[in-house]
Amino acid sequence: MQHQASMSTHRHSSIPQTRVLGGAEHVGLGLRLERSTRGPDIYVQEVVPGFAAHENGRLQVKDVIVAVDHIPLSEMELEAVKQLTIGEEGTFCTLQVQRADHYFQVTLMRKFP
């Protein structure tokens, strides 16, 4: 059975996605991301229930995603950021996050809801 969920990329946001690539099912982390209108920051607009980010519980709306798997996001297009977060179910993705003046790291295992 193939999983299908929306992950359309709007002008400024992205939402979780699943898709099949080369026979392997890929899934996002369950984050709706948006680029700040005041600068290059990419922040969490929504944590989507059922996906890895929601189940982990550490990410919050307005958290800034600084890097994905140690790749800085400051100059990256939102679509490219989305591609970094998608992978095969059961694989891991590490996010470097800023919340106010506090920086921390979260590693999530990609999973279907």
Protein backbone atom coordinates (compact mmCIF):
# COMPACT_ATOMS: atom_id res chain seq x y z
CA MET A 1 0.00 0.00 0.00
CA GLN A 2 1.36 3.40 -0.91
CA HIS A 3 0.96 6.22 1.59
CA GLN A 4 -0.12 9.55 0.18
CA ALA A 5 -0.37 12.73 2.17
CA SER A 6 -0.12 16.29 1.09
CA MET A 7 3.14 18.18 1.20
CA SER A 8 2.48 21.01 -1.06
CA THR A 9 4.88 23.86 -0.87
CA HIS A 10 3.19 27.18 -0.79
CA ARG A 11 5.06 30.38 -1.29
CA HIS A 12 6.17 30.46 2.32
CA SER A 13 5.29 27.18 3.97
CA SER A 14 5.63 23.44 3.76
CA ILE A 15 3.74 20.61 5.42
CA PRO A 16 4.55 16.94 5.96
CA GLN A 17 4.66 14.65 3.01
CA THR A 18 4.93 11.05 2.09
CA ARG A 19 5.91 9.77 -1.32
CA VAL A 20 7.42 6.75 -3.01
CA LEU A 21 10.88 7.07 -4.57
CA GLY A 22 12.61 4.13 -6.19
CA GLY A 23 10.30 1.68 -4.42
CA ALA A 24 11.04 3.11 -0.96
CA GLU A 25 8.44 5.13 0.89
CA HIS A 26 9.61 8.52 2.08
CA VAL A 27 8.10 10.66 4.81
CA GLY A 28 8.66 14.07 6.33
CA LEU A 29 9.03 15.00 9.99
CA GLY A 30 5.61 16.56 10.54
CA LEU A 31 6.61 20.21 10.55
CA ARG A 32 4.91 23.04 8.70
CA LEU A 33 7.75 25.46 8.11
CA GLU A 34 7.67 29.09 7.05
CA ARG A 35 10.33 31.63 6.18
CA SER A 36 10.35 34.78 8.27
CA THR A 37 9.29 37.94 6.48
CA ARG A 38 11.90 39.83 8.56
CA GLY A 39 14.95 37.80 7.62
CA PRO A 40 16.36 34.46 6.50
CA ASP A 41 15.04 32.42 9.46
CA ILE A 42 12.93 29.33 8.84
CA TYR A 43 10.59 28.70 11.72
CA VAL A 44 8.00 26.13 12.79
CA GLN A 45 4.49 27.27 11.94
CA GLU A 46 2.85 24.00 13.02
CA VAL A 47 3.80 20.63 14.50
CA VAL A 48 1.51 18.11 12.78
CA PRO A 49 -0.04 15.39 14.98
CA GLY A 50 0.99 11.81 14.29
CA PHE A 51 4.37 12.53 12.74
CA ALA A 52 7.81 12.27 14.38
CA ALA A 53 8.11 15.90 15.53
CA HIS A 54 4.79 15.77 17.36
CA GLU A 55 5.53 12.47 19.05
CA ASN A 56 8.96 13.72 20.15
CA GLY A 57 7.34 16.71 21.83
CA ARG A 58 10.36 19.02 21.96
CA LEU A 59 9.60 21.30 18.99
CA GLN A 60 7.21 24.20 19.34
CA VAL A 61 5.55 26.73 17.09
CA LYS A 62 7.93 29.67 16.47
CA ASP A 63 11.09 27.59 17.01
CA VAL A 64 13.71 28.54 14.42
CA ILE A 65 15.29 25.67 12.50
CA VAL A 66 18.95 26.63 12.14
CA ALA A 67 20.26 23.49 10.40
CA VAL A 68 19.12 20.08 9.15
CA ASP A 69 21.66 17.28 9.49
CA HIS A 70 24.33 19.93 10.17
CA ILE A 71 23.53 21.82 6.94
CA PRO A 72 22.91 25.53 7.70
CA LEU A 73 19.61 26.85 6.36
CA SER A 74 20.20 30.61 6.37
CA GLU A 75 20.52 31.00 2.59
CA MET A 76 18.46 27.98 1.54
CA GLU A 77 15.12 28.08 -0.28
CA LEU A 78 12.19 26.61 1.63
CA GLU A 79 11.72 23.86 -0.97
CA ALA A 80 15.34 22.77 -0.50
CA VAL A 81 14.86 22.69 3.28
CA LYS A 82 11.79 20.50 2.81
CA GLN A 83 13.82 18.05 0.72
CA LEU A 84 16.39 17.75 3.52
CA THR A 85 13.70 16.70 6.00
CA ILE A 86 12.19 13.96 3.81
CA GLY A 87 13.61 10.46 3.86
CA GLU A 88 12.86 6.79 4.17
CA GLU A 89 10.70 5.73 7.08
CA GLY A 90 12.91 4.62 9.98
CA THR A 91 15.82 6.91 9.09
CA PHE A 92 16.93 9.76 11.32
CA CYS A 93 17.10 13.51 10.82
CA THR A 94 18.83 15.92 13.19
CA LEU A 95 17.61 19.49 13.57
CA GLN A 96 19.53 22.33 15.19
CA VAL A 97 16.93 24.60 16.75
CA GLN A 98 16.86 28.06 18.29
CA ARG A 99 14.19 29.07 20.82
CA ALA A 100 14.75 32.64 22.00
CA ASP A 101 18.40 32.66 23.18
CA HIS A 102 18.56 28.89 23.70
CA TYR A 103 20.00 26.49 21.08
CA PHE A 104 19.40 22.75 21.14
CA GLN A 105 19.44 19.70 18.90
CA VAL A 106 16.63 17.24 18.20
CA THR A 107 17.06 13.93 16.36
CA LEU A 108 13.85 12.48 14.95
CA MET A 109 13.12 9.11 13.37
CA ARG A 110 10.96 9.53 10.29
CA LYS A 111 7.67 7.64 10.58
CA PHE A 112 4.28 7.50 9.03
CA PRO A 113 1.43 8.68 11.23
